[in-house]
Every structure is written in structure tokens, then in C-alpha cells.
Amino acid sequence: MIKPRRAAHTTAQIFAAPLAIAIITALGLTTALLGDGLWDWMSWIALALPVAVAVGYWQLSARRAEPR
């Protein structure tokens, strides 16, 4: 039996997550310049997002590469 082909993704679907991460990172850089205290915590959280996403996908790819 032949598997049906997956529908192609639109440009908006392809770039939605990277654009969201870029906007959150830019907001994190902006909040780092605005003030101290709460602003610093918001910037740390926003700037940690790309690192967390990269580590998550790195671990996901390592699990998929393991022989079964």
C-alpha cells in the first residue's frame, strides 16, 4: 500500500516559530536595556528561550539517532 504524501507547508507555517523566537529575543534585548529588577528577569527568560529550544531539539535528534 502506498502512503499518501504529506501536504506541503505554507511559508507562514515554516517561518512562524523562528519569527516568534526572534521577536521574543528582540524583546528580551530591549527589556535588558530598560531597567533593573523585574526587567532583568524578563530579559533573562526571553534570552534563554533560543538556548532552550536548541537544546530541546538537540536532545530530540539524539534520541531519534539511537539504534533500536
Protein backbone atom coordinates (compact mmCIF):
# COMPACT_ATOMS: atom_id res chain seq x y z
CA MET A 1 0.00 0.00 0.00
CA ILE A 2 1.33 3.43 -0.93
CA LYS A 3 1.39 6.07 1.78
CA PRO A 4 -0.23 9.37 0.86
CA ARG A 5 2.16 12.31 0.58
CA ARG A 6 2.15 14.94 3.29
CA ALA A 7 0.78 18.29 2.29
CA ALA A 8 3.41 20.94 1.77
CA HIS A 9 3.70 23.60 4.44
CA THR A 10 2.99 27.21 3.63
CA THR A 11 5.61 29.89 4.05
CA ALA A 12 3.80 31.22 7.11
CA GLN A 13 3.86 27.78 8.73
CA ILE A 14 7.56 27.35 8.03
CA PHE A 15 8.64 30.72 9.43
CA ALA A 16 6.13 31.15 12.29
CA ALA A 17 8.24 29.58 15.06
CA PRO A 18 11.58 31.19 14.07
CA LEU A 19 9.85 34.57 13.77
CA ALA A 20 8.27 34.19 17.20
CA ILE A 21 11.64 33.26 18.72
CA ALA A 22 13.26 36.27 17.02
CA ILE A 23 10.60 38.66 18.31
CA ILE A 24 10.85 37.30 21.86
CA THR A 25 14.66 37.58 21.72
CA ALA A 26 14.44 41.18 20.49
CA LEU A 27 12.03 41.99 23.32
CA GLY A 28 14.47 40.36 25.74
CA LEU A 29 17.30 42.55 24.49
CA THR A 30 15.08 45.62 24.79
CA THR A 31 13.96 44.80 28.33
CA ALA A 32 17.60 44.34 29.34
CA LEU A 33 18.18 47.98 28.46
CA LEU A 34 15.07 49.37 30.16
CA GLY A 35 15.75 48.84 33.82
CA ASP A 36 16.70 46.66 36.73
CA GLY A 37 14.92 44.13 38.89
CA LEU A 38 11.90 42.67 37.11
CA TRP A 39 13.17 43.88 33.73
CA ASP A 40 16.37 41.89 34.18
CA TRP A 41 14.43 38.72 34.99
CA MET A 42 12.20 39.17 31.94
CA SER A 43 15.22 39.64 29.71
CA TRP A 44 16.97 36.55 31.09
CA ILE A 45 13.88 34.44 30.47
CA ALA A 46 13.42 35.81 26.96
CA LEU A 47 17.09 35.37 26.06
CA ALA A 48 17.14 31.81 27.43
CA LEU A 49 14.35 30.75 25.05
CA PRO A 50 16.54 30.20 21.94
CA VAL A 51 19.04 28.22 24.02
CA ALA A 52 16.27 26.06 25.49
CA VAL A 53 14.77 25.40 22.06
CA ALA A 54 18.17 24.46 20.61
CA VAL A 55 18.95 22.07 23.50
CA GLY A 56 15.49 20.51 23.22
CA TYR A 57 15.86 19.81 19.51
CA TRP A 58 19.42 18.59 20.02
CA GLN A 59 18.22 16.01 22.56
CA LEU A 60 15.28 15.06 20.34
CA SER A 61 17.59 14.38 17.39
CA ALA A 62 19.95 12.37 19.61
CA ARG A 63 17.05 10.14 20.70
CA ARG A 64 15.96 9.56 17.12
CA ALA A 65 19.52 8.65 16.08
CA GLU A 66 19.86 5.88 18.69
CA PRO A 67 19.65 2.38 17.25
CA ARG A 68 16.57 0.44 18.29
